[in-house]
């Protein structure tokens, strides 16, 4: 199997350098370069950022429903991008990257579906 190191060795990235959004592991590295806090402060800032941005998504949908205010799909996507940023930053903090999180989530939900447990409550259903 060809690895990223192999591609780098053969000059692939000189011809075509993938953008951070084209590969989850590259996005994780890109996010890490944007982090400005460290240690426990970083953990707290990333958690507060995640819930704050998720709240902004909810707030836009609420205004759309309650106030009949038009919110563009693009506005929602921008806020979801911020949610993904902070989720990735948290994964990085715990020594994993976005690829790991996505793979774990797919496995978890496929397993629940196979056992007919998509509905219900609890982490380990």
PDB file of N, CA and C in Angstrom:
ATOM      1  N   UNK A   1       0.847  -1.179   0.000  1.00  0.00           N
ATOM      2  CA  UNK A   1       0.000   0.000   0.000  1.00  0.00           C
ATOM      3  C   UNK A   1       0.891   1.241   0.000  1.00  0.00           C
ATOM      4  N   UNK A   2       0.550   2.209  -0.803  1.00  0.00           N
ATOM      5  CA  UNK A   2       1.306   3.456  -0.876  1.00  0.00           C
ATOM      6  C   UNK A   2       0.891   4.344   0.288  1.00  0.00           C
ATOM      7  N   UNK A   3       1.863   4.879   0.983  1.00  0.00           N
ATOM      8  CA  UNK A   3       1.601   5.742   2.132  1.00  0.00           C
ATOM      9  C   UNK A   3       1.797   7.204   1.747  1.00  0.00           C
ATOM     10  N   UNK A   4       1.446   8.102   2.652  1.00  0.00           N
ATOM     11  CA  UNK A   4       1.692   9.530   2.428  1.00  0.00           C
ATOM     12  C   UNK A   4       3.179   9.803   2.287  1.00  0.00           C
ATOM     13  N   UNK A   5       4.003   9.074   3.041  1.00  0.00           N
ATOM     14  CA  UNK A   5       5.457   9.238   2.936  1.00  0.00           C
ATOM     15  C   UNK A   5       5.945   8.870   1.535  1.00  0.00           C
ATOM     16  N   UNK A   6       5.381   7.789   0.963  1.00  0.00           N
ATOM     17  CA  UNK A   6       5.746   7.392  -0.393  1.00  0.00           C
ATOM     18  C   UNK A   6       5.390   8.492  -1.394  1.00  0.00           C
ATOM     19  N   UNK A   7       4.196   9.031  -1.246  1.00  0.00           N
ATOM     20  CA  UNK A   7       3.759  10.095  -2.146  1.00  0.00           C
ATOM     21  C   UNK A   7       4.668  11.308  -2.034  1.00  0.00           C
ATOM     22  N   UNK A   8       5.052  11.640  -0.811  1.00  0.00           N
ATOM     23  CA  UNK A   8       5.957  12.763  -0.586  1.00  0.00           C
ATOM     24  C   UNK A   8       7.312  12.489  -1.226  1.00  0.00           C
ATOM     25  N   UNK A   9       7.832  11.275  -1.054  1.00  0.00           N
ATOM     26  CA  UNK A   9       9.126  10.881  -1.608  1.00  0.00           C
ATOM     27  C   UNK A   9       9.148  10.998  -3.132  1.00  0.00           C
ATOM     28  N   UNK A  10       8.061  10.637  -3.783  1.00  0.00           N
ATOM     29  CA  UNK A  10       7.984  10.688  -5.239  1.00  0.00           C
ATOM     30  C   UNK A  10       7.566  12.049  -5.774  1.00  0.00           C
ATOM     31  N   UNK A  11       7.431  13.034  -4.904  1.00  0.00           N
ATOM     32  CA  UNK A  11       7.128  14.384  -5.338  1.00  0.00           C
ATOM     33  C   UNK A  11       5.670  14.641  -5.658  1.00  0.00           C
ATOM     34  N   UNK A  12       4.794  13.751  -5.228  1.00  0.00           N
ATOM     35  CA  UNK A  12       3.367  13.908  -5.516  1.00  0.00           C
ATOM     36  C   UNK A  12       2.841  15.239  -5.003  1.00  0.00           C
ATOM     37  N   UNK A  13       3.250  15.611  -3.808  1.00  0.00           N
ATOM     38  CA  UNK A  13       2.712  16.824  -3.201  1.00  0.00           C
ATOM     39  C   UNK A  13       3.253  18.087  -3.851  1.00  0.00           C
ATOM     40  N   UNK A  14       4.340  17.950  -4.604  1.00  0.00           N
ATOM     41  CA  UNK A  14       4.829  19.100  -5.356  1.00  0.00           C
ATOM     42  C   UNK A  14       3.921  19.367  -6.554  1.00  0.00           C
ATOM     43  N   UNK A  15       3.337  18.302  -7.100  1.00  0.00           N
ATOM     44  CA  UNK A  15       2.440  18.424  -8.244  1.00  0.00           C
ATOM     45  C   UNK A  15       1.029  18.771  -7.773  1.00  0.00           C
ATOM     46  N   UNK A  16       0.577  18.034  -6.792  1.00  0.00           N
ATOM     47  CA  UNK A  16      -0.785  18.227  -6.277  1.00  0.00           C
ATOM     48  C   UNK A  16      -0.748  18.147  -4.767  1.00  0.00           C
ATOM     49  N   UNK A  17      -0.928  19.258  -4.147  1.00  0.00           N
ATOM     50  CA  UNK A  17      -0.949  19.270  -2.694  1.00  0.00           C
ATOM     51  C   UNK A  17      -2.395  19.336  -2.233  1.00  0.00           C
ATOM     52  N   UNK A  18      -2.866  18.257  -1.571  1.00  0.00           N
ATOM     53  CA  UNK A  18      -4.261  18.265  -1.130  1.00  0.00           C
ATOM     54  C   UNK A  18      -4.526  19.392  -0.133  1.00  0.00           C
ATOM     55  N   UNK A  19      -5.716  19.900  -0.178  1.00  0.00           N
ATOM     56  CA  UNK A  19      -6.146  20.931   0.758  1.00  0.00           C
ATOM     57  C   UNK A  19      -6.610  20.258   2.048  1.00  0.00           C
ATOM     58  N   UNK A  20      -6.589  20.985   3.171  1.00  0.00           N
ATOM     59  CA  UNK A  20      -6.994  20.377   4.445  1.00  0.00           C
ATOM     60  C   UNK A  20      -8.381  19.745   4.423  1.00  0.00           C
ATOM     61  N   UNK A  21      -9.315  20.339   3.664  1.00  0.00           N
ATOM     62  CA  UNK A  21     -10.677  19.802   3.645  1.00  0.00           C
ATOM     63  C   UNK A  21     -10.795  18.544   2.789  1.00  0.00           C
ATOM     64  N   UNK A  22      -9.747  18.182   2.055  1.00  0.00           N
ATOM     65  CA  UNK A  22      -9.825  17.016   1.180  1.00  0.00           C
ATOM     66  C   UNK A  22      -9.444  15.712   1.875  1.00  0.00           C
ATOM     67  N   UNK A  23      -8.900  15.796   3.056  1.00  0.00           N
ATOM     68  CA  UNK A  23      -8.472  14.600   3.765  1.00  0.00           C
ATOM     69  C   UNK A  23      -8.542  14.882   5.264  1.00  0.00           C
ATOM     70  N   UNK A  24      -9.318  14.074   6.009  1.00  0.00           N
ATOM     71  CA  UNK A  24      -9.493  14.357   7.437  1.00  0.00           C
ATOM     72  C   UNK A  24      -8.190  14.481   8.222  1.00  0.00           C
ATOM     73  N   UNK A  25      -7.186  13.662   7.919  1.00  0.00           N
ATOM     74  CA  UNK A  25      -5.937  13.755   8.682  1.00  0.00           C
ATOM     75  C   UNK A  25      -5.230  15.081   8.411  1.00  0.00           C
ATOM     76  N   UNK A  26      -5.330  15.581   7.179  1.00  0.00           N
ATOM     77  CA  UNK A  26      -4.741  16.889   6.878  1.00  0.00           C
ATOM     78  C   UNK A  26      -5.519  18.003   7.573  1.00  0.00           C
ATOM     79  N   UNK A  27      -6.837  17.841   7.631  1.00  0.00           N
ATOM     80  CA  UNK A  27      -7.655  18.833   8.331  1.00  0.00           C
ATOM     81  C   UNK A  27      -7.268  18.876   9.804  1.00  0.00           C
ATOM     82  N   UNK A  28      -7.039  17.718  10.404  1.00  0.00           N
ATOM     83  CA  UNK A  28      -6.629  17.677  11.808  1.00  0.00           C
ATOM     84  C   UNK A  28      -5.324  18.435  12.033  1.00  0.00           C
ATOM     85  N   UNK A  29      -4.372  18.263  11.133  1.00  0.00           N
ATOM     86  CA  UNK A  29      -3.100  18.991  11.237  1.00  0.00           C
ATOM     87  C   UNK A  29      -3.308  20.485  11.042  1.00  0.00           C
ATOM     88  N   UNK A  30      -4.174  20.837  10.105  1.00  0.00           N
ATOM     89  CA  UNK A  30      -4.475  22.242   9.851  1.00  0.00           C
ATOM     90  C   UNK A  30      -5.114  22.891  11.075  1.00  0.00           C
ATOM     91  N   UNK A  31      -6.062  22.189  11.694  1.00  0.00           N
ATOM     92  CA  UNK A  31      -6.711  22.700  12.907  1.00  0.00           C
ATOM     93  C   UNK A  31      -5.663  22.944  13.990  1.00  0.00           C
ATOM     94  N   UNK A  32      -4.768  22.002  14.150  1.00  0.00           N
ATOM     95  CA  UNK A  32      -3.762  22.104  15.209  1.00  0.00           C
ATOM     96  C   UNK A  32      -2.923  23.373  15.066  1.00  0.00           C
ATOM     97  N   UNK A  33      -2.699  23.810  13.840  1.00  0.00           N
ATOM     98  CA  UNK A  33      -1.921  25.035  13.612  1.00  0.00           C
ATOM     99  C   UNK A  33      -2.692  26.296  14.015  1.00  0.00           C
ATOM    100  N   UNK A  34      -3.999  26.168  14.148  1.00  0.00           N
ATOM    101  CA  UNK A  34      -4.838  27.318  14.509  1.00  0.00           C
ATOM    102  C   UNK A  34      -5.041  27.453  16.022  1.00  0.00           C
ATOM    103  N   UNK A  35      -4.657  26.445  16.783  1.00  0.00           N
ATOM    104  CA  UNK A  35      -4.883  26.431  18.231  1.00  0.00           C
ATOM    105  C   UNK A  35      -3.948  27.423  18.912  1.00  0.00           C
ATOM    106  N   UNK A  36      -4.496  28.250  19.804  1.00  0.00           N
ATOM    107  CA  UNK A  36      -3.671  29.261  20.464  1.00  0.00           C
ATOM    108  C   UNK A  36      -3.560  29.061  21.977  1.00  0.00           C
ATOM    109  N   UNK A  37      -4.313  28.121  22.529  1.00  0.00           N
ATOM    110  CA  UNK A  37      -4.224  27.845  23.968  1.00  0.00           C
ATOM    111  C   UNK A  37      -3.543  26.497  24.173  1.00  0.00           C
ATOM    112  N   UNK A  38      -3.144  26.225  25.409  1.00  0.00           N
ATOM    113  CA  UNK A  38      -2.441  24.967  25.700  1.00  0.00           C
ATOM    114  C   UNK A  38      -2.962  24.360  27.002  1.00  0.00           C
ATOM    115  N   UNK A  39      -2.684  23.072  27.160  1.00  0.00           N
ATOM    116  CA  UNK A  39      -3.011  22.372  28.397  1.00  0.00           C
ATOM    117  C   UNK A  39      -4.482  22.409  28.741  1.00  0.00           C
ATOM    118  N   UNK A  40      -4.748  22.566  30.034  1.00  0.00           N
ATOM    119  CA  UNK A  40      -6.124  22.564  30.535  1.00  0.00           C
ATOM    120  C   UNK A  40      -6.943  23.715  29.958  1.00  0.00           C
ATOM    121  N   UNK A  41      -6.294  24.855  29.743  1.00  0.00           N
ATOM    122  CA  UNK A  41      -7.000  26.000  29.149  1.00  0.00           C
ATOM    123  C   UNK A  41      -7.478  25.661  27.739  1.00  0.00           C
ATOM    124  N   UNK A  42      -6.656  24.920  27.006  1.00  0.00           N
ATOM    125  CA  UNK A  42      -7.050  24.514  25.654  1.00  0.00           C
ATOM    126  C   UNK A  42      -8.264  23.597  25.707  1.00  0.00           C
ATOM    127  N   UNK A  43      -8.230  22.616  26.625  1.00  0.00           N
ATOM    128  CA  UNK A  43      -9.348  21.687  26.742  1.00  0.00           C
ATOM    129  C   UNK A  43     -10.641  22.446  27.016  1.00  0.00           C
ATOM    130  N   UNK A  44     -10.601  23.360  27.962  1.00  0.00           N
ATOM    131  CA  UNK A  44     -11.791  24.132  28.323  1.00  0.00           C
ATOM    132  C   UNK A  44     -12.238  25.009  27.153  1.00  0.00           C
ATOM    133  N   UNK A  45     -11.292  25.674  26.512  1.00  0.00           N
ATOM    134  CA  UNK A  45     -11.635  26.543  25.385  1.00  0.00           C
ATOM    135  C   UNK A  45     -12.250  25.742  24.238  1.00  0.00           C
ATOM    136  N   UNK A  46     -11.694  24.558  23.955  1.00  0.00           N
ATOM    137  CA  UNK A  46     -12.225  23.722  22.878  1.00  0.00           C
ATOM    138  C   UNK A  46     -13.623  23.207  23.203  1.00  0.00           C
ATOM    139  N   UNK A  47     -13.866  22.817  24.435  1.00  0.00           N
ATOM    140  CA  UNK A  47     -15.202  22.345  24.829  1.00  0.00           C
ATOM    141  C   UNK A  47     -16.210  23.486  24.751  1.00  0.00           C
ATOM    142  N   UNK A  48     -15.841  24.637  25.296  1.00  0.00           N
ATOM    143  CA  UNK A  48     -16.749  25.784  25.240  1.00  0.00           C
ATOM    144  C   UNK A  48     -16.976  26.223  23.794  1.00  0.00           C
ATOM    145  N   UNK A  49     -15.941  26.157  22.971  1.00  0.00           N
ATOM    146  CA  UNK A  49     -16.095  26.482  21.553  1.00  0.00           C
ATOM    147  C   UNK A  49     -17.067  25.542  20.876  1.00  0.00           C
ATOM    148  N   UNK A  50     -16.948  24.249  21.165  1.00  0.00           N
ATOM    149  CA  UNK A  50     -17.826  23.252  20.554  1.00  0.00           C
ATOM    150  C   UNK A  50     -19.285  23.496  20.922  1.00  0.00           C
ATOM    151  N   UNK A  51     -19.567  23.639  22.199  1.00  0.00           N
ATOM    152  CA  UNK A  51     -20.968  23.833  22.589  1.00  0.00           C
ATOM    153  C   UNK A  51     -21.480  25.203  22.154  1.00  0.00           C
ATOM    154  N   UNK A  52     -20.598  26.202  22.137  1.00  0.00           N
ATOM    155  CA  UNK A  52     -21.003  27.532  21.674  1.00  0.00           C
ATOM    156  C   UNK A  52     -21.390  27.520  20.209  1.00  0.00           C
ATOM    157  N   UNK A  53     -20.568  26.867  19.395  1.00  0.00           N
ATOM    158  CA  UNK A  53     -20.863  26.813  17.961  1.00  0.00           C
ATOM    159  C   UNK A  53     -22.087  25.955  17.676  1.00  0.00           C
ATOM    160  N   UNK A  54     -22.241  24.846  18.404  1.00  0.00           N
ATOM    161  CA  UNK A  54     -23.454  24.034  18.245  1.00  0.00           C
ATOM    162  C   UNK A  54     -24.679  24.867  18.617  1.00  0.00           C
ATOM    163  N   UNK A  55     -24.533  25.690  19.635  1.00  0.00           N
ATOM    164  CA  UNK A  55     -25.610  26.593  20.031  1.00  0.00           C
ATOM    165  C   UNK A  55     -25.944  27.607  18.942  1.00  0.00           C
ATOM    166  N   UNK A  56     -24.922  28.063  18.224  1.00  0.00           N
ATOM    167  CA  UNK A  56     -25.166  29.002  17.129  1.00  0.00           C
ATOM    168  C   UNK A  56     -25.953  28.345  15.999  1.00  0.00           C
ATOM    169  N   UNK A  57     -25.682  27.073  15.729  1.00  0.00           N
ATOM    170  CA  UNK A  57     -26.470  26.338  14.728  1.00  0.00           C
ATOM    171  C   UNK A  57     -27.927  26.286  15.196  1.00  0.00           C
ATOM    172  N   UNK A  58     -28.121  25.899  16.449  1.00  0.00           N
ATOM    173  CA  UNK A  58     -29.478  25.795  17.006  1.00  0.00           C
ATOM    174  C   UNK A  58     -30.178  27.155  16.998  1.00  0.00           C
ATOM    175  N   UNK A  59     -29.456  28.207  17.320  1.00  0.00           N
ATOM    176  CA  UNK A  59     -30.032  29.555  17.361  1.00  0.00           C
ATOM    177  C   UNK A  59     -30.530  29.986  15.981  1.00  0.00           C
ATOM    178  N   UNK A  60     -29.779  29.676  14.943  1.00  0.00           N
ATOM    179  CA  UNK A  60     -30.202  30.039  13.588  1.00  0.00           C
ATOM    180  C   UNK A  60     -31.475  29.285  13.188  1.00  0.00           C
ATOM    181  N   UNK A  61     -31.525  28.015  13.525  1.00  0.00           N
ATOM    182  CA  UNK A  61     -32.718  27.213  13.210  1.00  0.00           C
ATOM    183  C   UNK A  61     -33.911  27.723  14.027  1.00  0.00           C
ATOM    184  N   UNK A  62     -33.671  28.056  15.300  1.00  0.00           N
ATOM    185  CA  UNK A  62     -34.746  28.592  16.150  1.00  0.00           C
ATOM    186  C   UNK A  62     -35.332  29.858  15.550  1.00  0.00           C
ATOM    187  N   UNK A  63     -34.467  30.784  15.116  1.00  0.00           N
ATOM    188  CA  UNK A  63     -34.946  32.035  14.537  1.00  0.00           C
ATOM    189  C   UNK A  63     -35.714  31.786  13.242  1.00  0.00           C
ATOM    190  N   UNK A  64     -35.281  30.795  12.509  1.00  0.00           N
ATOM    191  CA  UNK A  64     -35.977  30.457  11.266  1.00  0.00           C
ATOM    192  C   UNK A  64     -37.396  29.972  11.578  1.00  0.00           C
ATOM    193  N   UNK A  65     -37.543  29.168  12.620  1.00  0.00           N
ATOM    194  CA  UNK A  65     -38.849  28.623  12.990  1.00  0.00           C
ATOM    195  C   UNK A  65     -39.695  29.671  13.709  1.00  0.00           C
ATOM    196  N   UNK A  66     -39.134  30.279  14.749  1.00  0.00           N
ATOM    197  CA  UNK A  66     -39.894  31.195  15.593  1.00  0.00           C
ATOM    198  C   UNK A  66     -40.233  32.500  14.900  1.00  0.00           C
ATOM    199  N   UNK A  67     -39.238  33.081  14.220  1.00  0.00           N
ATOM    200  CA  UNK A  67     -39.403  34.415  13.656  1.00  0.00           C
ATOM    201  C   UNK A  67     -39.650  34.408  12.152  1.00  0.00           C
ATOM    202  N   UNK A  68     -39.780  33.219  11.572  1.00  0.00           N
ATOM    203  CA  UNK A  68     -39.899  33.083  10.113  1.00  0.00           C
ATOM    204  C   UNK A  68     -38.783  33.857   9.408  1.00  0.00           C
ATOM    205  N   UNK A  69     -37.630  33.864  10.045  1.00  0.00           N
ATOM    206  CA  UNK A  69     -36.466  34.563   9.516  1.00  0.00           C
ATOM    207  C   UNK A  69     -35.742  33.645   8.533  1.00  0.00           C
ATOM    208  N   UNK A  70     -35.429  34.150   7.357  1.00  0.00           N
ATOM    209  CA  UNK A  70     -34.730  33.331   6.364  1.00  0.00           C
ATOM    210  C   UNK A  70     -33.269  33.190   6.786  1.00  0.00           C
ATOM    211  N   UNK A  71     -32.836  31.953   6.945  1.00  0.00           N
ATOM    212  CA  UNK A  71     -31.436  31.645   7.230  1.00  0.00           C
ATOM    213  C   UNK A  71     -30.951  30.803   6.058  1.00  0.00           C
ATOM    214  N   UNK A  72     -29.883  31.244   5.449  1.00  0.00           N
ATOM    215  CA  UNK A  72     -29.397  30.523   4.270  1.00  0.00           C
ATOM    216  C   UNK A  72     -28.715  29.219   4.671  1.00  0.00           C
ATOM    217  N   UNK A  73     -28.756  28.274   3.751  1.00  0.00           N
ATOM    218  CA  UNK A  73     -28.038  27.013   3.965  1.00  0.00           C
ATOM    219  C   UNK A  73     -26.563  27.302   4.210  1.00  0.00           C
ATOM    220  N   UNK A  74     -26.038  28.295   3.521  1.00  0.00           N
ATOM    221  CA  UNK A  74     -24.623  28.668   3.660  1.00  0.00           C
ATOM    222  C   UNK A  74     -24.307  29.120   5.088  1.00  0.00           C
ATOM    223  N   UNK A  75     -25.220  29.888   5.693  1.00  0.00           N
ATOM    224  CA  UNK A  75     -25.011  30.319   7.078  1.00  0.00           C
ATOM    225  C   UNK A  75     -24.951  29.122   8.028  1.00  0.00           C
ATOM    226  N   UNK A  76     -25.831  28.146   7.809  1.00  0.00           N
ATOM    227  CA  UNK A  76     -25.822  26.937   8.638  1.00  0.00           C
ATOM    228  C   UNK A  76     -24.520  26.170   8.415  1.00  0.00           C
ATOM    229  N   UNK A  77     -24.089  26.054   7.168  1.00  0.00           N
ATOM    230  CA  UNK A  77     -22.854  25.323   6.858  1.00  0.00           C
ATOM    231  C   UNK A  77     -21.640  25.974   7.510  1.00  0.00           C
ATOM    232  N   UNK A  78     -21.618  27.306   7.541  1.00  0.00           N
ATOM    233  CA  UNK A  78     -20.501  28.015   8.189  1.00  0.00           C
ATOM    234  C   UNK A  78     -20.437  27.671   9.675  1.00  0.00           C
ATOM    235  N   UNK A  79     -21.582  27.660  10.314  1.00  0.00           N
ATOM    236  CA  UNK A  79     -21.607  27.321  11.745  1.00  0.00           C
ATOM    237  C   UNK A  79     -21.252  25.853  11.961  1.00  0.00           C
ATOM    238  N   UNK A  80     -21.736  24.970  11.090  1.00  0.00           N
ATOM    239  CA  UNK A  80     -21.373  23.553  11.204  1.00  0.00           C
ATOM    240  C   UNK A  80     -19.871  23.361  11.023  1.00  0.00           C
ATOM    241  N   UNK A  81     -19.269  24.168  10.155  1.00  0.00           N
ATOM    242  CA  UNK A  81     -17.817  24.129   9.991  1.00  0.00           C
ATOM    243  C   UNK A  81     -17.105  24.453  11.285  1.00  0.00           C
ATOM    244  N   UNK A  82     -17.621  25.419  12.033  1.00  0.00           N
ATOM    245  CA  UNK A  82     -17.032  25.760  13.326  1.00  0.00           C
ATOM    246  C   UNK A  82     -17.195  24.619  14.330  1.00  0.00           C
ATOM    247  N   UNK A  83     -18.340  23.927  14.273  1.00  0.00           N
ATOM    248  CA  UNK A  83     -18.558  22.760  15.134  1.00  0.00           C
ATOM    249  C   UNK A  83     -17.505  21.687  14.821  1.00  0.00           C
ATOM    250  N   UNK A  84     -17.300  21.423  13.530  1.00  0.00           N
ATOM    251  CA  UNK A  84     -16.316  20.419  13.112  1.00  0.00           C
ATOM    252  C   UNK A  84     -14.910  20.837  13.552  1.00  0.00           C
ATOM    253  N   UNK A  85     -14.603  22.131  13.461  1.00  0.00           N
ATOM    254  CA  UNK A  85     -13.289  22.621  13.891  1.00  0.00           C
ATOM    255  C   UNK A  85     -13.037  22.258  15.351  1.00  0.00           C
ATOM    256  N   UNK A  86     -13.984  22.590  16.214  1.00  0.00           N
ATOM    257  CA  UNK A  86     -13.785  22.333  17.646  1.00  0.00           C
ATOM    258  C   UNK A  86     -13.834  20.848  17.982  1.00  0.00           C
ATOM    259  N   UNK A  87     -14.670  20.076  17.276  1.00  0.00           N
ATOM    260  CA  UNK A  87     -14.679  18.627  17.491  1.00  0.00           C
ATOM    261  C   UNK A  87     -13.316  18.042  17.104  1.00  0.00           C
ATOM    262  N   UNK A  88     -12.756  18.533  16.011  1.00  0.00           N
ATOM    263  CA  UNK A  88     -11.433  18.077  15.578  1.00  0.00           C
ATOM    264  C   UNK A  88     -10.364  18.489  16.581  1.00  0.00           C
ATOM    265  N   UNK A  89     -10.442  19.717  17.077  1.00  0.00           N
ATOM    266  CA  UNK A  89      -9.474  20.179  18.068  1.00  0.00           C
ATOM    267  C   UNK A  89      -9.514  19.299  19.312  1.00  0.00           C
ATOM    268  N   UNK A  90     -10.706  18.898  19.736  1.00  0.00           N
ATOM    269  CA  UNK A  90     -10.826  18.012  20.904  1.00  0.00           C
ATOM    270  C   UNK A  90     -10.256  16.629  20.618  1.00  0.00           C
ATOM    271  N   UNK A  91     -10.526  16.107  19.435  1.00  0.00           N
ATOM    272  CA  UNK A  91      -9.946  14.814  19.059  1.00  0.00           C
ATOM    273  C   UNK A  91      -8.422  14.904  19.088  1.00  0.00           C
ATOM    274  N   UNK A  92      -7.883  15.983  18.540  1.00  0.00           N
ATOM    275  CA  UNK A  92      -6.434  16.195  18.559  1.00  0.00           C
ATOM    276  C   UNK A  92      -5.906  16.239  19.993  1.00  0.00           C
ATOM    277  N   UNK A  93      -6.623  16.928  20.864  1.00  0.00           N
ATOM    278  CA  UNK A  93      -6.211  17.038  22.266  1.00  0.00           C
ATOM    279  C   UNK A  93      -6.063  15.656  22.896  1.00  0.00           C
ATOM    280  N   UNK A  94      -6.948  14.746  22.523  1.00  0.00           N
ATOM    281  CA  UNK A  94      -6.921  13.390  23.072  1.00  0.00           C
ATOM    282  C   UNK A  94      -6.061  12.430  22.234  1.00  0.00           C
ATOM    283  N   UNK A  95      -5.257  12.997  21.340  1.00  0.00           N
ATOM    284  CA  UNK A  95      -4.296  12.195  20.599  1.00  0.00           C
ATOM    285  C   UNK A  95      -4.854  11.428  19.419  1.00  0.00           C
ATOM    286  N   UNK A  96      -6.021  11.795  18.950  1.00  0.00           N
ATOM    287  CA  UNK A  96      -6.641  11.155  17.793  1.00  0.00           C
ATOM    288  C   UNK A  96      -6.863  12.224  16.733  1.00  0.00           C
ATOM    289  N   UNK A  97      -7.149  11.791  15.516  1.00  0.00           N
ATOM    290  CA  UNK A  97      -7.472  12.779  14.499  1.00  0.00           C
ATOM    291  C   UNK A  97      -8.902  12.572  14.015  1.00  0.00           C
ATOM    292  N   UNK A  98      -9.331  13.443  13.139  1.00  0.00           N
ATOM    293  CA  UNK A  98     -10.707  13.404  12.655  1.00  0.00           C
ATOM    294  C   UNK A  98     -11.026  12.082  11.969  1.00  0.00           C
ATOM    295  N   UNK A  99     -10.059  11.498  11.270  1.00  0.00           N
ATOM    296  CA  UNK A  99     -10.281  10.202  10.621  1.00  0.00           C
ATOM    297  C   UNK A  99     -10.691   9.141  11.631  1.00  0.00           C
ATOM    298  N   UNK A 100     -10.036   9.134  12.772  1.00  0.00           N
ATOM    299  CA  UNK A 100     -10.339   8.170  13.827  1.00  0.00           C
ATOM    300  C   UNK A 100     -11.769   8.372  14.336  1.00  0.00           C
ATOM    301  N   UNK A 101     -12.134   9.612  14.571  1.00  0.00           N
ATOM    302  CA  UNK A 101     -13.479   9.924  15.074  1.00  0.00           C
ATOM    303  C   UNK A 101     -14.537   9.467  14.074  1.00  0.00           C
ATOM    304  N   UNK A 102     -14.317   9.757  12.796  1.00  0.00           N
ATOM    305  CA  UNK A 102     -15.282   9.362  11.767  1.00  0.00           C
ATOM    306  C   UNK A 102     -15.395   7.844  11.676  1.00  0.00           C
ATOM    307  N   UNK A 103     -14.259   7.168  11.688  1.00  0.00           N
ATOM    308  CA  UNK A 103     -14.265   5.705  11.608  1.00  0.00           C
ATOM    309  C   UNK A 103     -14.984   5.092  12.811  1.00  0.00           C
ATOM    310  N   UNK A 104     -14.703   5.606  13.992  1.00  0.00           N
ATOM    311  CA  UNK A 104     -15.335   5.091  15.211  1.00  0.00           C
ATOM    312  C   UNK A 104     -16.850   5.310  15.171  1.00  0.00           C
ATOM    313  N   UNK A 105     -17.277   6.471  14.680  1.00  0.00           N
ATOM    314  CA  UNK A 105     -18.703   6.773  14.628  1.00  0.00           C
ATOM    315  C   UNK A 105     -19.425   5.886  13.628  1.00  0.00           C
ATOM    316  N   UNK A 106     -18.813   5.657  12.469  1.00  0.00           N
ATOM    317  CA  UNK A 106     -19.408   4.774  11.470  1.00  0.00           C
ATOM    318  C   UNK A 106     -19.565   3.368  12.045  1.00  0.00           C
ATOM    319  N   UNK A 107     -18.531   2.884  12.698  1.00  0.00           N
ATOM    320  CA  UNK A 107     -18.583   1.541  13.296  1.00  0.00           C
ATOM    321  C   UNK A 107     -19.698   1.459  14.348  1.00  0.00           C
ATOM    322  N   UNK A 108     -19.760   2.455  15.224  1.00  0.00           N
ATOM    323  CA  UNK A 108     -20.766   2.464  16.286  1.00  0.00           C
ATOM    324  C   UNK A 108     -22.183   2.446  15.723  1.00  0.00           C
ATOM    325  N   UNK A 109     -22.446   3.310  14.735  1.00  0.00           N
ATOM    326  CA  UNK A 109     -23.807   3.404  14.196  1.00  0.00           C
ATOM    327  C   UNK A 109     -24.165   2.204  13.329  1.00  0.00           C
ATOM    328  N   UNK A 110     -23.191   1.677  12.580  1.00  0.00           N
ATOM    329  CA  UNK A 110     -23.454   0.450  11.812  1.00  0.00           C
ATOM    330  C   UNK A 110     -23.771  -0.718  12.744  1.00  0.00           C
ATOM    331  N   UNK A 111     -23.054  -0.788  13.853  1.00  0.00           N
ATOM    332  CA  UNK A 111     -23.294  -1.850  14.832  1.00  0.00           C
ATOM    333  C   UNK A 111     -24.696  -1.725  15.441  1.00  0.00           C
ATOM    334  N   UNK A 112     -25.083  -0.502  15.793  1.00  0.00           N
ATOM    335  CA  UNK A 112     -26.435  -0.292  16.334  1.00  0.00           C
ATOM    336  C   UNK A 112     -27.494  -0.672  15.311  1.00  0.00           C
ATOM    337  N   UNK A 113     -27.272  -0.290  14.070  1.00  0.00           N
ATOM    338  CA  UNK A 113     -28.234  -0.616  13.019  1.00  0.00           C
ATOM    339  C   UNK A 113     -28.343  -2.127  12.846  1.00  0.00           C
ATOM    340  N   UNK A 114     -27.204  -2.823  12.839  1.00  0.00           N
ATOM    341  CA  UNK A 114     -27.202  -4.281  12.671  1.00  0.00           C
ATOM    342  C   UNK A 114     -27.947  -4.968  13.815  1.00  0.00           C
ATOM    343  N   UNK A 115     -27.915  -4.377  14.992  1.00  0.00           N
ATOM    344  CA  UNK A 115     -28.601  -4.957  16.158  1.00  0.00           C
ATOM    345  C   UNK A 115     -29.986  -4.346  16.360  1.00  0.00           C
ATOM    346  N   UNK A 116     -30.445  -3.520  15.380  1.00  0.00           N
ATOM    347  CA  UNK A 116     -31.740  -2.853  15.451  1.00  0.00           C
ATOM    348  C   UNK A 116     -31.864  -1.992  16.715  1.00  0.00           C
ATOM    349  N   UNK A 117     -30.801  -1.236  17.015  1.00  0.00           N
ATOM    350  CA  UNK A 117     -30.767  -0.396  18.212  1.00  0.00           C
ATOM    351  C   UNK A 117     -30.512   1.076  17.879  1.00  0.00           C
ATOM    352  N   UNK A 118     -30.855   1.501  16.663  1.00  0.00           N
ATOM    353  CA  UNK A 118     -30.669   2.909  16.308  1.00  0.00           C
ATOM    354  C   UNK A 118     -31.521   3.788  17.212  1.00  0.00           C
ATOM    355  N   UNK A 119     -32.764   3.385  17.453  1.00  0.00           N
ATOM    356  CA  UNK A 119     -33.640   4.126  18.359  1.00  0.00           C
ATOM    357  C   UNK A 119     -33.312   3.742  19.786  1.00  0.00           C
ATOM    358  N   UNK A 120     -33.670   4.615  20.691  1.00  0.00           N
ATOM    359  CA  UNK A 120     -33.474   4.307  22.108  1.00  0.00           C
ATOM    360  C   UNK A 120     -32.518   5.266  22.759  1.00  0.00           C
ATOM    361  N   UNK A 121     -32.100   4.940  23.967  1.00  0.00           N
ATOM    362  CA  UNK A 121     -31.229   5.811  24.742  1.00  0.00           C
ATOM    363  C   UNK A 121     -30.047   5.013  25.260  1.00  0.00           C
ATOM    364  N   UNK A 122     -29.039   5.754  25.650  1.00  0.00           N
ATOM    365  CA  UNK A 122     -27.863   5.132  26.261  1.00  0.00           C
ATOM    366  C   UNK A 122     -26.710   5.007  25.290  1.00  0.00           C
ATOM    367  N   UNK A 123     -25.501   5.207  25.791  1.00  0.00           N
ATOM    368  CA  UNK A 123     -24.309   5.133  24.963  1.00  0.00           C
ATOM    369  C   UNK A 123     -24.053   3.727  24.443  1.00  0.00           C
ATOM    370  N   UNK A 124     -24.333   2.724  25.243  1.00  0.00           N
ATOM    371  CA  UNK A 124     -23.965   1.355  24.895  1.00  0.00           C
ATOM    372  C   UNK A 124     -25.167   0.486  24.534  1.00  0.00           C
ATOM    373  N   UNK A 125     -26.116   1.059  23.827  1.00  0.00           N
ATOM    374  CA  UNK A 125     -27.305   0.276  23.463  1.00  0.00           C
ATOM    375  C   UNK A 125     -27.029  -0.626  22.283  1.00  0.00           C
TER     376      UNK A 125
END
